[in-house]
Amino acid sequence: MVRNIKSSKKALSTMLIVAIVVVIIVVGGVAAYWYMSQNPATPQDTTPTSTPSPTTTPGVADATSLKYSVSLTENGVVQGTYTYWGKNAGTSDFSMRIEFTDSDGDTIYIFNGVQDKAWTYAGGEWVDISDYYASQSDIWNNLWVGYTNSLAAWSGTGDYSYTQNGNTVRIYDISVNPALEDALFTHS
């Protein structure tokens, strides 16, 4: 009887952890989708706060790998900071890693296009979310595309900021075609 109670508690604990992780993933996805629908990061919808000198971005459009960070500010309050790494851009093997900090804490998403696998790290452990690869990848890939499209107006040096619907998007620490290790796109 005691053994069955311990076994039941362990099963219940495991189910609770899985439920919490699923809720985190769903909330993160919904928040990303909502933000993207409220603030689509496309160059035609943006008002740059700086005037870039060149009309084309050196290499961003043709980059096969890219790393940049994004800071989102609404009503003067930073809502989150995100760092994106992307490798094999423009191919079916596109792999992406996003590390971010927001009001919910620190989270990592990894989408490995070579393996069609995905993982998230939150709450101190890695969780395989490969079953949700397509839907989660689409959400984060749309954000990636929006930000990289916005960089079409970037001068090629320094930061790039724009205001949209009263909110500020700052893209910084931009690195075009960095050598990105495959290990960035798998969990450790």
Protein backbone atom coordinates (compact mmCIF):
# COMPACT_ATOMS: atom_id res chain seq x y z
CA MET A 1 0.00 0.00 0.00
CA VAL A 2 2.80 2.45 0.94
CA ARG A 3 4.63 1.54 -2.27
CA ASN A 4 1.54 2.33 -4.37
CA ILE A 5 1.16 5.71 -2.65
CA LYS A 6 4.83 6.58 -3.33
CA SER A 7 4.44 5.42 -6.93
CA SER A 8 1.26 7.47 -7.32
CA LYS A 9 2.93 10.57 -5.85
CA LYS A 10 5.88 10.17 -8.23
CA ALA A 11 3.56 9.77 -11.22
CA LEU A 12 1.53 12.78 -10.09
CA SER A 13 4.73 14.85 -9.67
CA THR A 14 5.90 13.89 -13.15
CA MET A 15 2.51 14.75 -14.64
CA LEU A 16 2.54 18.10 -12.82
CA ILE A 17 6.01 18.96 -14.16
CA VAL A 18 4.95 18.06 -17.70
CA ALA A 19 1.77 20.13 -17.34
CA ILE A 20 3.76 23.14 -16.11
CA VAL A 21 6.21 22.88 -19.00
CA VAL A 22 3.35 22.63 -21.51
CA VAL A 23 1.70 25.70 -19.96
CA ILE A 24 5.01 27.63 -20.19
CA ILE A 25 5.39 26.66 -23.85
CA VAL A 26 1.81 27.59 -24.69
CA VAL A 27 1.96 30.90 -22.82
CA GLY A 28 5.30 31.75 -24.46
CA GLY A 29 3.93 30.88 -27.89
CA VAL A 30 0.74 32.86 -27.36
CA ALA A 31 2.71 35.85 -26.03
CA ALA A 32 5.09 35.73 -29.00
CA TYR A 33 2.16 35.44 -31.42
CA TRP A 34 0.30 38.29 -29.72
CA TYR A 35 3.35 40.53 -29.72
CA MET A 36 4.07 39.71 -33.34
CA SER A 37 0.47 40.47 -34.36
CA GLN A 38 0.47 43.73 -32.38
CA ASN A 39 3.92 44.83 -33.50
CA PRO A 40 4.89 43.18 -36.79
CA ALA A 41 8.56 43.93 -37.27
CA THR A 42 8.61 44.68 -40.96
CA PRO A 43 10.53 47.54 -42.56
CA GLN A 44 7.46 49.06 -44.24
CA ASP A 45 5.73 49.40 -40.85
CA THR A 46 8.69 50.87 -38.99
CA THR A 47 9.85 54.37 -38.25
CA PRO A 48 13.61 54.28 -37.63
CA THR A 49 14.83 56.47 -34.79
CA SER A 50 18.18 56.87 -36.52
CA THR A 51 18.87 57.65 -40.14
CA PRO A 52 20.96 54.91 -41.71
CA SER A 53 23.34 56.15 -44.39
CA PRO A 54 23.51 53.22 -46.85
CA THR A 55 20.34 52.03 -48.52
CA THR A 56 21.38 48.37 -48.35
CA THR A 57 22.65 46.34 -45.44
CA PRO A 58 26.09 44.85 -45.88
CA GLY A 59 25.41 41.14 -46.02
CA VAL A 60 22.25 40.75 -43.87
CA ALA A 61 20.02 39.84 -46.82
CA ASP A 62 22.53 37.24 -48.02
CA ALA A 63 23.74 36.07 -44.61
CA THR A 64 23.75 32.33 -44.02
CA SER A 65 24.25 32.85 -40.29
CA LEU A 66 23.35 35.74 -38.05
CA LYS A 67 23.43 36.65 -34.37
CA TYR A 68 21.71 39.63 -32.79
CA SER A 69 19.99 40.76 -29.62
CA VAL A 70 16.65 42.53 -29.31
CA SER A 71 15.30 44.72 -26.53
CA LEU A 72 11.55 45.45 -26.52
CA THR A 73 10.33 48.54 -24.69
CA GLU A 74 6.66 49.40 -24.18
CA ASN A 75 5.65 52.66 -22.51
CA GLY A 76 9.24 53.20 -21.38
CA VAL A 77 9.47 49.78 -19.69
CA VAL A 78 11.72 47.03 -21.07
CA GLN A 79 9.46 44.02 -21.64
CA GLY A 80 12.21 41.57 -22.51
CA THR A 81 15.62 41.02 -24.02
CA TYR A 82 16.19 38.30 -26.60
CA THR A 83 19.32 36.94 -28.27
CA TYR A 84 18.88 35.10 -31.55
CA TRP A 85 21.36 32.84 -33.32
CA GLY A 86 20.50 31.47 -36.77
CA LYS A 87 22.44 29.09 -38.98
CA ASN A 88 21.74 27.87 -42.55
CA ALA A 89 19.36 30.78 -43.12
CA GLY A 90 17.15 30.42 -46.17
CA THR A 91 17.38 26.62 -46.22
CA SER A 92 15.28 23.76 -44.88
CA ASP A 93 18.16 23.07 -42.45
CA PHE A 94 17.71 26.46 -40.76
CA SER A 95 18.50 26.15 -37.07
CA MET A 96 17.72 28.81 -34.49
CA ARG A 97 18.46 29.41 -30.82
CA ILE A 98 16.68 32.06 -28.75
CA GLU A 99 17.72 32.95 -25.22
CA PHE A 100 15.51 35.46 -23.50
CA THR A 101 14.69 37.11 -20.23
CA ASP A 102 11.27 38.56 -19.58
CA SER A 103 8.87 38.90 -16.65
CA ASP A 104 8.62 35.09 -16.49
CA GLY A 105 12.39 34.64 -16.09
CA ASP A 106 15.07 33.11 -18.31
CA THR A 107 14.17 30.72 -21.12
CA ILE A 108 15.96 29.08 -24.05
CA TYR A 109 14.39 27.69 -27.21
CA ILE A 110 16.37 25.62 -29.71
CA PHE A 111 15.05 24.61 -33.13
CA ASN A 112 17.33 22.25 -35.04
CA GLY A 113 16.26 22.21 -38.70
CA VAL A 114 18.75 19.48 -39.60
CA GLN A 115 17.17 17.07 -37.10
CA ASP A 116 13.63 18.57 -37.02
CA LYS A 117 13.94 18.64 -33.23
CA ALA A 118 13.25 21.32 -30.65
CA TRP A 119 13.98 21.84 -26.98
CA THR A 120 13.20 24.43 -24.36
CA TYR A 121 14.96 25.17 -21.12
CA ALA A 122 12.99 26.73 -18.29
CA GLY A 123 12.69 25.99 -14.63
CA GLY A 124 16.08 24.30 -14.47
CA GLU A 125 15.60 21.51 -16.98
CA TRP A 126 15.58 20.77 -20.69
CA VAL A 127 12.35 19.54 -22.25
CA ASP A 128 12.07 17.97 -25.70
CA ILE A 129 9.29 19.81 -27.56
CA SER A 130 9.93 18.16 -30.92
CA ASP A 131 6.26 17.13 -31.10
CA TYR A 132 5.48 20.86 -31.35
CA TYR A 133 8.41 21.64 -33.65
CA ALA A 134 6.36 22.96 -36.57
CA SER A 135 4.05 25.27 -34.62
CA GLN A 136 6.69 26.63 -32.24
CA SER A 137 9.24 26.99 -35.03
CA ASP A 138 6.75 28.97 -37.13
CA ILE A 139 6.09 31.43 -34.29
CA TRP A 140 9.75 32.11 -33.57
CA ASN A 141 10.76 32.00 -37.23
CA ASN A 142 8.20 34.73 -38.00
CA LEU A 143 9.82 36.92 -35.34
CA TRP A 144 13.28 36.10 -36.76
CA VAL A 145 12.14 37.08 -40.26
CA GLY A 146 10.54 40.29 -38.99
CA TYR A 147 13.69 41.39 -37.20
CA THR A 148 16.05 40.45 -40.04
CA ASN A 149 13.78 42.22 -42.53
CA SER A 150 13.93 45.30 -40.31
CA LEU A 151 17.71 45.11 -40.51
CA ALA A 152 17.47 45.85 -44.25
CA ALA A 153 17.58 49.53 -43.21
CA TRP A 154 20.53 48.99 -40.81
CA SER A 155 23.68 50.95 -41.70
CA GLY A 156 25.98 47.98 -41.08
CA THR A 157 27.48 49.36 -37.87
CA GLY A 158 26.18 49.93 -34.36
CA ASP A 159 22.62 49.36 -33.17
CA TYR A 160 19.39 49.69 -35.08
CA SER A 161 16.24 50.97 -33.37
CA TYR A 162 12.77 51.75 -34.57
CA THR A 163 9.49 52.79 -33.03
CA GLN A 164 6.26 51.02 -33.85
CA ASN A 165 2.86 51.70 -32.31
CA GLY A 166 4.60 53.74 -29.60
CA ASN A 167 6.92 50.85 -28.69
CA THR A 168 10.66 50.75 -29.23
CA VAL A 169 12.52 47.81 -30.75
CA ARG A 170 16.30 47.94 -30.42
CA ILE A 171 18.43 45.41 -32.32
CA TYR A 172 22.06 45.34 -31.18
CA ASP A 173 25.20 43.17 -30.98
CA ILE A 174 24.58 42.32 -34.62
CA SER A 175 27.01 39.85 -36.18
CA VAL A 176 26.66 38.90 -39.85
CA ASN A 177 27.89 35.42 -40.87
CA PRO A 178 29.50 34.49 -37.54
CA ALA A 179 30.93 30.99 -37.23
CA LEU A 180 28.25 29.25 -35.16
CA GLU A 181 29.02 25.87 -33.65
CA ASP A 182 26.49 23.07 -34.18
CA ALA A 183 26.46 22.61 -30.39
CA LEU A 184 24.47 25.87 -30.09
CA PHE A 185 21.56 24.09 -31.74
CA THR A 186 21.30 21.06 -29.46
CA HIS A 187 20.72 20.96 -25.72
CA SER A 188 23.52 19.94 -23.42
